[in-house]
């Protein structure tokens, strides 16, 4: 039976770990640093993704599938945007570094001791004191 799991690229996982999706207010879209992508949920529960969205008067203006679009803010029920999450990024770096350190300790502990060869006195290696 085929697995229904899809493999995600590492970049997608890192992006998901270093950002979070938050509800934003229309005023947040007029800031000097505009958000690159905004998910707009309408009253009929459909979602439209706006790229480079900004507020112009009573409308949200941006690109939907590469085409310029305008949506009245009164038609939108929720505006969501992906924003950086510095705490998540720090946690990801900390866990990654900890994992590398744990792997290094594991590999060092598993290496056999150096071979000393046969004991010249004829005793076993643990009793060789010549």
N, C-alpha and C. Protein backbone atom coordinates (compact mmCIF):
# COMPACT_ATOMS: atom_id res chain seq x y z
N UNK A 1 0.85 -1.19 0.00
CA UNK A 1 0.00 0.00 0.00
C UNK A 1 0.88 1.24 0.00
N UNK A 2 0.53 2.21 -0.78
CA UNK A 2 1.32 3.42 -0.90
C UNK A 2 1.11 4.31 0.31
N UNK A 3 2.17 4.97 0.69
CA UNK A 3 2.09 5.90 1.81
C UNK A 3 1.41 7.19 1.34
N UNK A 4 0.58 7.75 2.20
CA UNK A 4 -0.12 8.98 1.86
C UNK A 4 0.66 10.21 2.30
N UNK A 5 1.78 9.99 2.98
CA UNK A 5 2.59 11.12 3.43
C UNK A 5 3.31 11.75 2.25
N UNK A 6 3.41 13.03 2.27
CA UNK A 6 4.16 13.76 1.25
C UNK A 6 5.47 14.22 1.87
N UNK A 7 6.50 14.17 1.10
CA UNK A 7 7.77 14.66 1.62
C UNK A 7 7.86 16.16 1.39
N UNK A 8 8.28 16.88 2.41
CA UNK A 8 8.43 18.32 2.32
C UNK A 8 9.91 18.66 2.19
N UNK A 9 10.23 19.65 1.39
CA UNK A 9 11.62 20.07 1.33
C UNK A 9 12.05 20.67 2.68
N UNK A 10 13.32 20.55 2.97
CA UNK A 10 13.84 21.08 4.23
C UNK A 10 13.59 22.58 4.34
N UNK A 11 13.69 23.30 3.24
CA UNK A 11 13.44 24.74 3.26
C UNK A 11 12.04 25.08 3.73
N UNK A 12 11.06 24.29 3.35
CA UNK A 12 9.69 24.53 3.79
C UNK A 12 9.56 24.31 5.29
N UNK A 13 10.25 23.30 5.80
CA UNK A 13 10.20 23.05 7.24
C UNK A 13 10.89 24.17 8.02
N UNK A 14 12.02 24.63 7.52
CA UNK A 14 12.72 25.72 8.19
C UNK A 14 11.89 26.99 8.15
N UNK A 15 11.27 27.27 7.01
CA UNK A 15 10.41 28.46 6.90
C UNK A 15 9.25 28.37 7.87
N UNK A 16 8.65 27.20 7.96
CA UNK A 16 7.53 27.03 8.89
C UNK A 16 7.98 27.17 10.33
N UNK A 17 9.19 26.72 10.62
CA UNK A 17 9.69 26.81 11.99
C UNK A 17 10.10 28.22 12.36
N UNK A 18 10.51 29.02 11.41
CA UNK A 18 11.03 30.36 11.70
C UNK A 18 9.99 31.46 11.51
N UNK A 19 8.79 31.10 11.13
CA UNK A 19 7.73 32.09 10.95
C UNK A 19 6.45 31.58 11.58
N UNK A 20 5.49 32.48 11.75
CA UNK A 20 4.18 32.08 12.24
C UNK A 20 3.13 32.94 11.54
N UNK A 21 1.92 32.41 11.46
CA UNK A 21 0.82 33.14 10.81
C UNK A 21 -0.01 33.81 11.89
N UNK A 22 -0.21 35.11 11.73
CA UNK A 22 -0.97 35.90 12.69
C UNK A 22 -2.09 36.66 11.99
N UNK A 23 -3.12 36.95 12.74
CA UNK A 23 -4.17 37.83 12.25
C UNK A 23 -3.63 39.26 12.29
N UNK A 24 -3.85 39.99 11.23
CA UNK A 24 -3.36 41.37 11.16
C UNK A 24 -4.53 42.32 10.95
N UNK A 25 -4.32 43.55 11.33
CA UNK A 25 -5.31 44.61 11.13
C UNK A 25 -4.99 45.33 9.82
N UNK A 26 -5.98 45.92 9.19
CA UNK A 26 -5.70 46.67 7.96
C UNK A 26 -4.64 47.75 8.14
N UNK A 27 -4.53 48.31 9.33
CA UNK A 27 -3.51 49.34 9.57
C UNK A 27 -2.11 48.76 9.45
N UNK A 28 -1.94 47.48 9.75
CA UNK A 28 -0.63 46.84 9.63
C UNK A 28 -0.17 46.74 8.18
N UNK A 29 -1.10 46.82 7.25
CA UNK A 29 -0.75 46.71 5.83
C UNK A 29 -0.32 48.04 5.24
N UNK A 30 -0.44 49.11 6.01
CA UNK A 30 -0.04 50.43 5.53
C UNK A 30 1.32 50.84 6.08
N UNK A 31 1.98 49.92 6.76
CA UNK A 31 3.26 50.25 7.39
C UNK A 31 4.33 50.48 6.32
N UNK A 32 5.47 51.07 6.71
CA UNK A 32 6.55 51.29 5.74
C UNK A 32 7.15 49.97 5.23
N UNK A 33 7.02 48.90 6.01
CA UNK A 33 7.50 47.58 5.58
C UNK A 33 6.30 46.70 5.26
N UNK A 34 5.76 46.77 4.05
CA UNK A 34 4.55 46.01 3.74
C UNK A 34 4.80 44.50 3.78
N UNK A 35 3.76 43.78 4.12
CA UNK A 35 3.82 42.32 4.16
C UNK A 35 3.80 41.78 2.73
N UNK A 36 4.54 40.73 2.47
CA UNK A 36 4.62 40.23 1.10
C UNK A 36 3.41 39.38 0.72
N UNK A 37 2.79 38.70 1.68
CA UNK A 37 1.66 37.85 1.35
C UNK A 37 0.62 37.93 2.46
N UNK A 38 -0.65 38.09 2.07
CA UNK A 38 -1.75 38.20 3.02
C UNK A 38 -2.85 37.24 2.59
N UNK A 39 -3.33 36.43 3.54
CA UNK A 39 -4.45 35.52 3.29
C UNK A 39 -5.71 36.22 3.78
N UNK A 40 -6.67 36.40 2.88
CA UNK A 40 -7.91 37.10 3.19
C UNK A 40 -9.05 36.09 3.17
N UNK A 41 -9.75 35.98 4.30
CA UNK A 41 -10.92 35.11 4.37
C UNK A 41 -12.15 35.99 4.24
N UNK A 42 -13.02 35.61 3.30
CA UNK A 42 -14.25 36.37 3.05
C UNK A 42 -15.38 35.81 3.92
N UNK A 43 -16.51 36.49 3.89
CA UNK A 43 -17.67 36.07 4.68
C UNK A 43 -18.18 34.69 4.25
N UNK A 44 -18.00 34.32 2.98
CA UNK A 44 -18.46 33.00 2.51
C UNK A 44 -17.40 31.91 2.78
N UNK A 45 -16.39 32.23 3.59
CA UNK A 45 -15.31 31.33 4.02
C UNK A 45 -14.34 30.93 2.91
N UNK A 46 -14.35 31.63 1.81
CA UNK A 46 -13.34 31.40 0.79
C UNK A 46 -12.11 32.24 1.16
N UNK A 47 -10.95 31.77 0.73
CA UNK A 47 -9.71 32.46 1.04
C UNK A 47 -9.03 32.90 -0.24
N UNK A 48 -8.58 34.13 -0.25
CA UNK A 48 -7.86 34.70 -1.39
C UNK A 48 -6.48 35.11 -0.88
N UNK A 49 -5.45 34.77 -1.65
CA UNK A 49 -4.08 35.11 -1.26
C UNK A 49 -3.63 36.34 -2.06
N UNK A 50 -3.34 37.41 -1.35
CA UNK A 50 -2.86 38.64 -1.97
C UNK A 50 -1.35 38.74 -1.79
N UNK A 51 -0.65 39.01 -2.86
CA UNK A 51 0.77 39.28 -2.79
C UNK A 51 0.96 40.79 -2.84
N UNK A 52 1.90 41.30 -2.06
CA UNK A 52 2.22 42.73 -1.99
C UNK A 52 0.96 43.56 -1.73
N UNK A 53 0.19 43.14 -0.74
CA UNK A 53 -1.08 43.81 -0.42
C UNK A 53 -0.83 45.11 0.34
N UNK A 54 -1.69 46.09 0.05
CA UNK A 54 -1.66 47.35 0.78
C UNK A 54 -3.09 47.88 0.83
N UNK A 55 -3.33 48.75 1.79
CA UNK A 55 -4.66 49.34 1.95
C UNK A 55 -4.69 50.65 1.18
N UNK A 56 -5.74 50.79 0.39
CA UNK A 56 -5.97 52.02 -0.36
C UNK A 56 -7.42 52.43 -0.12
N UNK A 57 -7.60 53.49 0.66
CA UNK A 57 -8.93 53.96 1.07
C UNK A 57 -9.64 52.85 1.83
N UNK A 58 -10.75 52.30 1.28
CA UNK A 58 -11.51 51.25 1.97
C UNK A 58 -11.31 49.89 1.32
N UNK A 59 -10.23 49.73 0.55
CA UNK A 59 -9.99 48.48 -0.18
C UNK A 59 -8.59 47.95 0.08
N UNK A 60 -8.47 46.66 -0.15
CA UNK A 60 -7.19 45.99 -0.12
C UNK A 60 -6.76 45.80 -1.57
N UNK A 61 -5.58 46.28 -1.90
CA UNK A 61 -5.08 46.23 -3.27
C UNK A 61 -3.83 45.39 -3.28
N UNK A 62 -3.73 44.51 -4.27
CA UNK A 62 -2.54 43.67 -4.40
C UNK A 62 -2.66 42.79 -5.63
N UNK A 63 -1.86 41.73 -5.66
CA UNK A 63 -1.86 40.80 -6.79
C UNK A 63 -2.38 39.45 -6.34
N UNK A 64 -3.31 38.89 -7.11
CA UNK A 64 -3.82 37.54 -6.89
C UNK A 64 -3.48 36.74 -8.14
N UNK A 65 -2.69 35.72 -7.97
CA UNK A 65 -2.23 34.89 -9.10
C UNK A 65 -1.59 35.75 -10.19
N UNK A 66 -0.84 36.77 -9.78
CA UNK A 66 -0.13 37.61 -10.74
C UNK A 66 -0.96 38.71 -11.37
N UNK A 67 -2.25 38.76 -11.08
CA UNK A 67 -3.13 39.77 -11.64
C UNK A 67 -3.50 40.80 -10.56
N UNK A 68 -3.52 42.09 -10.90
CA UNK A 68 -3.91 43.09 -9.91
C UNK A 68 -5.38 42.90 -9.50
N UNK A 69 -5.63 42.99 -8.20
CA UNK A 69 -6.98 42.81 -7.66
C UNK A 69 -7.25 43.85 -6.60
N UNK A 70 -8.53 44.13 -6.42
CA UNK A 70 -8.99 45.05 -5.37
C UNK A 70 -10.15 44.37 -4.64
N UNK A 71 -10.10 44.40 -3.32
CA UNK A 71 -11.15 43.79 -2.49
C UNK A 71 -11.53 44.78 -1.41
N UNK A 72 -12.83 45.05 -1.29
CA UNK A 72 -13.30 45.95 -0.23
C UNK A 72 -13.04 45.30 1.12
N UNK A 73 -12.53 46.08 2.08
CA UNK A 73 -12.25 45.57 3.41
C UNK A 73 -13.51 45.10 4.12
N UNK A 74 -14.66 45.64 3.74
CA UNK A 74 -15.92 45.20 4.35
C UNK A 74 -16.28 43.77 3.95
N UNK A 75 -15.72 43.27 2.85
CA UNK A 75 -15.97 41.90 2.41
C UNK A 75 -15.06 40.89 3.12
N UNK A 76 -14.01 41.38 3.75
CA UNK A 76 -13.05 40.49 4.41
C UNK A 76 -13.43 40.31 5.87
N UNK A 77 -13.38 39.06 6.33
CA UNK A 77 -13.64 38.79 7.75
C UNK A 77 -12.34 38.63 8.54
N UNK A 78 -11.32 38.04 7.92
CA UNK A 78 -10.03 37.83 8.60
C UNK A 78 -8.90 38.11 7.63
N UNK A 79 -7.90 38.83 8.11
CA UNK A 79 -6.67 39.05 7.36
C UNK A 79 -5.54 38.38 8.14
N UNK A 80 -4.81 37.49 7.47
CA UNK A 80 -3.70 36.79 8.13
C UNK A 80 -2.43 36.98 7.31
N UNK A 81 -1.30 37.04 8.01
CA UNK A 81 -0.01 37.20 7.34
C UNK A 81 1.04 36.38 8.07
N UNK A 82 2.03 35.93 7.32
CA UNK A 82 3.16 35.19 7.90
C UNK A 82 4.21 36.21 8.33
N UNK A 83 4.65 36.10 9.58
CA UNK A 83 5.62 37.03 10.13
C UNK A 83 6.78 36.26 10.75
N UNK A 84 7.95 36.88 10.84
CA UNK A 84 9.09 36.20 11.46
C UNK A 84 8.81 35.88 12.92
N UNK A 85 9.35 34.74 13.39
CA UNK A 85 9.22 34.33 14.79
C UNK A 85 10.62 34.11 15.35
N UNK A 86 11.24 35.15 15.90
CA UNK A 86 12.63 35.02 16.35
C UNK A 86 12.82 33.98 17.44
N UNK A 87 11.84 33.80 18.33
CA UNK A 87 11.98 32.79 19.38
C UNK A 87 12.01 31.38 18.78
N UNK A 88 11.18 31.14 17.79
CA UNK A 88 11.20 29.83 17.13
C UNK A 88 12.52 29.61 16.41
N UNK A 89 13.04 30.64 15.78
CA UNK A 89 14.32 30.52 15.08
C UNK A 89 15.44 30.19 16.06
N UNK A 90 15.47 30.88 17.20
CA UNK A 90 16.49 30.60 18.21
C UNK A 90 16.35 29.17 18.73
N UNK A 91 15.12 28.71 18.94
CA UNK A 91 14.90 27.34 19.39
C UNK A 91 15.37 26.33 18.37
N UNK A 92 15.11 26.61 17.10
CA UNK A 92 15.54 25.71 16.03
C UNK A 92 17.06 25.63 15.98
N UNK A 93 17.74 26.77 16.11
CA UNK A 93 19.20 26.78 16.11
C UNK A 93 19.73 26.02 17.32
N UNK A 94 19.15 26.25 18.49
CA UNK A 94 19.57 25.57 19.71
C UNK A 94 19.38 24.06 19.60
N UNK A 95 18.22 23.63 19.13
CA UNK A 95 17.97 22.19 18.98
C UNK A 95 18.87 21.56 17.92
N UNK A 96 19.11 22.27 16.84
CA UNK A 96 20.01 21.76 15.80
C UNK A 96 21.43 21.60 16.31
N UNK A 97 21.93 22.61 17.02
CA UNK A 97 23.28 22.53 17.58
C UNK A 97 23.36 21.44 18.64
N UNK A 98 22.34 21.30 19.45
CA UNK A 98 22.31 20.24 20.46
C UNK A 98 22.29 18.86 19.82
N UNK A 99 21.57 18.72 18.72
CA UNK A 99 21.53 17.44 18.01
C UNK A 99 22.88 17.07 17.42
N UNK A 100 23.55 18.06 16.85
CA UNK A 100 24.89 17.82 16.29
C UNK A 100 25.86 17.44 17.41
N UNK A 101 25.79 18.13 18.54
CA UNK A 101 26.66 17.81 19.68
C UNK A 101 26.37 16.41 20.21
N UNK A 102 25.10 16.05 20.35
CA UNK A 102 24.74 14.70 20.82
C UNK A 102 25.24 13.63 19.86
N UNK A 103 25.13 13.88 18.56
CA UNK A 103 25.63 12.91 17.58
C UNK A 103 27.14 12.77 17.68
N UNK A 104 27.85 13.89 17.86
CA UNK A 104 29.31 13.84 17.99
C UNK A 104 29.72 13.05 19.23
N UNK A 105 29.05 13.28 20.36
CA UNK A 105 29.36 12.54 21.59
C UNK A 105 29.07 11.06 21.39
N UNK A 106 27.98 10.73 20.75
CA UNK A 106 27.63 9.34 20.50
C UNK A 106 28.70 8.66 19.64
N UNK A 107 29.13 9.32 18.59
CA UNK A 107 30.12 8.74 17.69
C UNK A 107 31.48 8.59 18.38
N UNK A 108 31.86 9.53 19.22
CA UNK A 108 33.13 9.44 19.94
C UNK A 108 33.09 8.30 20.95
N UNK A 109 31.98 8.13 21.64
CA UNK A 109 31.86 7.04 22.62
C UNK A 109 31.86 5.68 21.96
N UNK A 110 31.44 5.57 20.73
CA UNK A 110 31.34 4.28 20.04
C UNK A 110 32.64 3.86 19.37
N UNK A 111 33.65 4.74 19.31
CA UNK A 111 34.90 4.35 18.65
C UNK A 111 35.66 3.40 19.57
N UNK A 112 36.19 2.31 19.02
CA UNK A 112 36.91 1.36 19.88
C UNK A 112 38.24 1.95 20.35
N UNK A 113 38.75 1.46 21.50
CA UNK A 113 40.04 1.95 21.96
C UNK A 113 41.14 1.50 21.01
N UNK A 114 42.24 2.21 20.98
CA UNK A 114 43.30 1.82 20.06
C UNK A 114 43.84 0.42 20.39
N UNK A 115 44.22 -0.30 19.37
CA UNK A 115 44.73 -1.66 19.54
C UNK A 115 46.19 -1.56 19.97
N UNK A 116 46.51 -2.19 21.08
CA UNK A 116 47.87 -2.14 21.61
C UNK A 116 48.72 -3.32 21.16
N UNK A 117 48.09 -4.30 20.56
CA UNK A 117 48.84 -5.48 20.11
C UNK A 117 48.99 -6.50 21.23
N UNK A 118 49.64 -7.63 20.93
CA UNK A 118 49.80 -8.66 21.95
C UNK A 118 50.79 -8.22 23.04
N UNK A 119 50.57 -8.73 24.22
CA UNK A 119 51.44 -8.40 25.35
C UNK A 119 52.75 -9.18 25.21
N UNK A 120 53.89 -8.50 25.26
CA UNK A 120 55.16 -9.21 25.09
C UNK A 120 55.47 -10.17 26.24
N UNK A 121 54.82 -10.05 27.40
CA UNK A 121 55.09 -10.94 28.53
C UNK A 121 54.33 -12.25 28.42
N UNK A 122 53.38 -12.33 27.51
CA UNK A 122 52.56 -13.53 27.35
C UNK A 122 51.29 -13.53 28.14
N UNK A 123 51.05 -12.49 28.96
CA UNK A 123 49.82 -12.41 29.72
C UNK A 123 48.74 -11.76 28.86
N UNK A 124 47.50 -11.78 29.32
CA UNK A 124 46.41 -11.11 28.60
C UNK A 124 46.61 -9.62 28.64
N UNK A 125 45.94 -8.88 27.75
CA UNK A 125 46.13 -7.43 27.67
C UNK A 125 45.81 -6.72 28.97
N UNK A 126 44.87 -7.24 29.78
CA UNK A 126 44.54 -6.56 31.04
C UNK A 126 45.59 -6.80 32.11
N UNK A 127 46.43 -7.85 31.97
CA UNK A 127 47.45 -8.15 32.96
C UNK A 127 48.84 -7.77 32.50
N UNK A 128 48.97 -7.26 31.33
CA UNK A 128 50.29 -6.93 30.79
C UNK A 128 50.84 -5.70 31.49
N UNK A 129 51.92 -5.84 32.18
CA UNK A 129 52.55 -4.73 32.89
C UNK A 129 54.05 -4.71 32.65
N UNK A 130 54.55 -5.32 31.59
CA UNK A 130 56.00 -5.36 31.40
C UNK A 130 56.50 -4.08 30.78
